[in-house]
Protein backbone atom coordinates (compact mmCIF):
# COMPACT_ATOMS: atom_id res chain seq x y z
CA MET A 1 -39.25 -6.98 -66.20
CA ALA A 2 -36.06 -7.28 -65.12
CA PRO A 3 -33.40 -8.58 -67.57
CA LYS A 4 -31.80 -12.38 -66.84
CA LEU A 5 -28.01 -12.07 -66.03
CA THR A 6 -25.70 -14.52 -65.22
CA GLU A 7 -23.80 -14.54 -62.00
CA LYS A 8 -20.54 -13.24 -63.50
CA GLU A 9 -22.86 -10.64 -65.22
CA LYS A 10 -24.21 -9.64 -62.19
CA ASN A 11 -20.96 -9.13 -60.01
CA GLN A 12 -19.58 -7.29 -62.96
CA GLN A 13 -22.33 -4.96 -62.85
CA ILE A 14 -22.29 -4.89 -59.11
CA LYS A 15 -18.77 -3.72 -58.89
CA LYS A 16 -19.50 -1.19 -61.92
CA GLU A 17 -22.24 0.23 -59.87
CA ALA A 18 -20.05 0.37 -56.72
CA LEU A 19 -17.44 2.07 -58.32
CA ILE A 20 -19.47 4.80 -60.02
CA SER A 21 -21.04 5.42 -56.66
CA ALA A 22 -17.76 5.79 -55.01
CA GLY A 23 -16.37 7.96 -57.72
CA LEU A 24 -19.67 10.25 -57.35
CA TYR A 25 -18.95 10.35 -53.67
CA ILE A 26 -15.50 11.44 -53.97
CA ALA A 27 -16.15 14.15 -56.71
CA PHE A 28 -18.57 15.26 -54.48
CA PHE A 29 -16.23 15.72 -51.51
CA ILE A 30 -13.75 17.59 -53.60
CA TRP A 31 -16.11 19.96 -54.72
CA TRP A 32 -17.56 20.72 -51.30
CA TYR A 33 -14.16 20.90 -49.90
CA PHE A 34 -12.52 23.17 -52.46
CA THR A 35 -15.34 25.28 -52.90
CA GLY A 36 -16.11 25.79 -49.18
CA TYR A 37 -12.34 25.72 -48.15
CA GLY A 38 -10.54 26.83 -51.43
CA ILE A 39 -12.23 30.10 -52.34
CA ALA A 40 -13.60 30.72 -48.59
CA GLU A 41 -12.99 34.52 -48.07
CA LYS A 42 -10.46 35.56 -45.24
CA GLY A 43 -11.18 38.74 -43.10
CA ALA A 44 -14.26 40.44 -42.18
CA PRO A 45 -17.79 38.96 -43.04
CA GLU A 46 -18.44 42.55 -44.33
CA THR A 47 -15.86 42.03 -47.20
CA TYR A 48 -17.51 38.59 -48.58
CA THR A 49 -19.31 38.41 -51.87
CA TYR A 50 -22.86 37.22 -51.02
CA VAL A 51 -25.20 35.17 -53.32
CA LEU A 52 -28.83 35.21 -52.04
CA GLY A 53 -27.66 36.47 -48.78
CA LEU A 54 -25.03 33.44 -48.41
CA PRO A 55 -21.55 33.62 -48.53
CA MET A 56 -20.31 32.64 -51.89
CA TRP A 57 -18.28 29.66 -50.49
CA PHE A 58 -21.23 28.45 -48.84
CA PHE A 59 -23.56 29.01 -51.75
CA LEU A 60 -21.12 27.18 -53.62
CA SER A 61 -20.30 24.39 -51.78
CA CYS A 62 -23.72 23.34 -50.22
CA ILE A 63 -26.38 24.60 -52.46
CA VAL A 64 -25.00 24.44 -55.97
CA GLY A 65 -22.88 21.14 -55.25
CA TYR A 66 -26.20 19.42 -53.85
CA VAL A 67 -28.27 20.61 -56.89
CA LEU A 68 -25.10 19.56 -59.04
CA PHE A 69 -24.62 16.31 -57.90
CA SER A 70 -28.41 15.52 -57.58
CA ILE A 71 -28.42 15.89 -61.24
CA ALA A 72 -25.46 14.26 -62.02
CA THR A 73 -26.66 11.10 -59.82
CA ILE A 74 -29.95 10.91 -61.77
CA PHE A 75 -27.93 10.87 -65.05
CA VAL A 76 -25.49 8.36 -63.87
CA VAL A 77 -28.39 5.93 -62.63
CA LYS A 78 -30.51 6.10 -65.87
CA LYS A 79 -27.44 5.69 -67.93
CA PHE A 80 -25.11 3.41 -66.17
CA PHE A 81 -27.16 1.30 -63.81
CA LYS A 82 -29.52 -1.84 -64.70
CA ASN A 83 -32.65 -3.10 -62.93
CA PHE A 84 -31.89 -6.80 -62.22
CA ASP A 85 -32.80 -9.58 -59.79
CA LEU A 86 -30.19 -10.03 -56.67
CA GLY A 87 -31.95 -13.27 -55.59
CA GLU A 88 -30.92 -16.70 -56.86
CA GLU A 89 -32.31 -18.12 -59.80
CA GLU A 90 -34.88 -21.05 -58.94
CA LYS A 91 -34.23 -24.08 -60.51
CA GLU A 92 -37.26 -25.75 -62.24
CA GLN A 93 -38.05 -29.18 -60.32
CA VAL A 94 -39.21 -31.82 -62.84
CA GLU A 95 -41.64 -34.05 -61.05
């Protein structure tokens, strides 16, 4: 069962989760950009460094980055996110 949170606690948790999600996305974009463009080798493809048949820059930016940030996302969700009801609390009606 999801814990009961006040409206203020819900809003704080939602903001915290949104900031963490945005931070993860920005970190992933930075990783992708600098491994894709920063270490990309210039010149003929014969001179590239290859990993599993893929150029190093592609392997790091698209394969390693995806796996790394998938694991980071799982860790962050388990560690910092909370399961709670987003609906309005129903007030008990007294008859």
